[in-house]
């Protein structure tokens, strides 16, 4: 699940200062461990303007933070003979983000 405000738009307003985010459901299409990628793929893109939105996963009845949505990729752009192109969502997973932050913290502490 990706939660955010594409182009500032929300699902409704509880009050002027408390907008309700939009939730888009996507499924994991590829693990980031494959091919030494630094990101994982979802089965489709999210709305434009959702880059930086948190990605949550559900497993065994629990919901947990899984990463940050970073955009859409089109792996076959310009190569389709049928006029249709694949669009996949991309996100950087929480494990990678934790590693980067730990590395940054180590360098700042020096």
Protein backbone atom coordinates (compact mmCIF):
# COMPACT_ATOMS: atom_id res chain seq x y z
CA UNK A 1 0.00 0.00 0.00
CA UNK A 2 1.25 3.44 -0.90
CA UNK A 3 -0.17 6.36 1.06
CA UNK A 4 0.10 9.96 -0.07
CA UNK A 5 -1.27 13.12 -1.62
CA UNK A 6 -0.75 13.10 -5.41
CA UNK A 7 -0.35 16.74 -6.43
CA UNK A 8 -1.70 17.74 -3.01
CA UNK A 9 -5.04 16.00 -3.59
CA UNK A 10 -6.61 14.03 -0.73
CA UNK A 11 -9.50 11.61 -0.36
CA UNK A 12 -11.48 14.11 1.68
CA UNK A 13 -11.06 16.64 4.39
CA UNK A 14 -11.79 15.99 8.03
CA UNK A 15 -10.96 19.62 8.66
CA UNK A 16 -9.05 22.26 6.71
CA UNK A 17 -5.86 21.36 8.62
CA UNK A 18 -6.25 17.57 8.50
CA UNK A 19 -6.50 16.12 4.95
CA UNK A 20 -7.10 12.41 4.39
CA UNK A 21 -4.42 10.70 2.24
CA UNK A 22 -5.11 8.47 -0.72
CA UNK A 23 -4.13 4.80 -0.41
CA UNK A 24 -3.19 2.87 -3.53
CA UNK A 25 -2.84 -0.91 -3.31
CA UNK A 26 -0.01 -2.52 -5.25
CA UNK A 27 1.67 -5.92 -5.06
CA UNK A 28 5.36 -6.76 -4.95
CA UNK A 29 6.46 -7.72 -8.46
CA UNK A 30 10.19 -8.18 -7.90
CA UNK A 31 12.43 -8.41 -4.88
CA UNK A 32 15.24 -5.87 -4.63
CA UNK A 33 17.73 -8.70 -4.03
CA UNK A 34 17.35 -9.88 -7.63
CA UNK A 35 20.08 -8.66 -9.97
CA UNK A 36 21.64 -6.57 -7.15
CA UNK A 37 19.06 -3.83 -7.61
CA UNK A 38 18.81 -1.09 -5.01
CA UNK A 39 15.03 -1.01 -5.33
CA UNK A 40 12.02 -3.30 -5.55
CA UNK A 41 9.26 -3.27 -8.17
CA UNK A 42 5.49 -3.09 -7.76
CA UNK A 43 2.95 -4.45 -10.23
CA UNK A 44 1.95 -0.96 -11.41
CA UNK A 45 2.71 2.71 -11.00
CA UNK A 46 1.14 5.04 -8.49
CA UNK A 47 -0.33 8.42 -9.28
CA UNK A 48 2.02 11.19 -10.36
CA UNK A 49 3.16 13.31 -7.47
CA UNK A 50 3.39 10.41 -4.99
CA UNK A 51 7.18 10.10 -5.03
CA UNK A 52 8.44 10.08 -1.47
CA UNK A 53 5.26 8.47 -0.14
CA UNK A 54 5.60 5.69 2.44
CA UNK A 55 5.06 2.12 1.26
CA UNK A 56 3.43 -0.26 3.73
CA UNK A 57 3.19 -4.05 3.55
CA UNK A 58 0.78 -6.42 5.20
CA UNK A 59 1.88 -9.81 6.48
CA UNK A 60 0.19 -12.16 8.92
CA UNK A 61 -2.38 -9.56 9.93
CA UNK A 62 0.17 -6.81 10.67
CA UNK A 63 0.94 -3.69 8.65
CA UNK A 64 4.50 -2.34 8.65
CA UNK A 65 6.60 0.33 6.93
CA UNK A 66 8.32 -1.26 3.95
CA UNK A 67 9.99 1.62 2.08
CA UNK A 68 9.56 4.83 0.09
CA UNK A 69 7.93 5.10 -3.34
CA UNK A 70 10.36 6.60 -5.85
CA UNK A 71 8.47 6.60 -9.14
CA UNK A 72 7.48 4.75 -12.29
CA UNK A 73 9.71 2.87 -14.67
CA UNK A 74 8.88 1.84 -18.22
CA UNK A 75 11.31 -0.96 -19.04
CA UNK A 76 10.15 -1.42 -22.63
CA UNK A 77 9.49 2.23 -23.52
CA UNK A 78 9.88 2.73 -27.25
CA UNK A 79 10.27 -0.98 -28.01
CA UNK A 80 6.70 -2.27 -28.05
CA UNK A 81 5.41 -3.42 -31.41
CA UNK A 82 1.82 -3.42 -30.12
CA UNK A 83 1.63 0.16 -28.88
CA UNK A 84 1.38 -0.90 -25.24
CA UNK A 85 4.11 -0.46 -22.69
CA UNK A 86 4.83 -1.94 -19.29
CA UNK A 87 4.68 0.44 -16.34
CA UNK A 88 5.97 -0.64 -12.97
CA UNK A 89 6.18 1.16 -9.66
CA UNK A 90 9.56 1.42 -7.95
CA UNK A 91 10.36 1.82 -4.27
CA UNK A 92 13.44 1.70 -2.09
CA UNK A 93 12.90 -0.70 0.76
CA UNK A 94 13.23 0.08 4.45
CA UNK A 95 16.30 -2.14 4.90
CA UNK A 96 18.27 -0.15 2.33
CA UNK A 97 17.11 3.12 3.86
CA UNK A 98 18.17 1.98 7.34
CA UNK A 99 21.62 0.99 6.00
CA UNK A 100 22.06 4.37 4.31
CA UNK A 101 21.01 6.25 7.44
CA UNK A 102 23.36 4.18 9.62
CA UNK A 103 26.22 4.91 7.21
CA UNK A 104 25.36 8.60 7.27
CA UNK A 105 25.16 8.62 11.08
CA UNK A 106 28.61 6.97 11.29
CA UNK A 107 30.15 9.64 9.05
CA UNK A 108 28.49 12.52 10.90
CA UNK A 109 29.68 11.17 14.26
CA UNK A 110 33.33 11.35 13.16
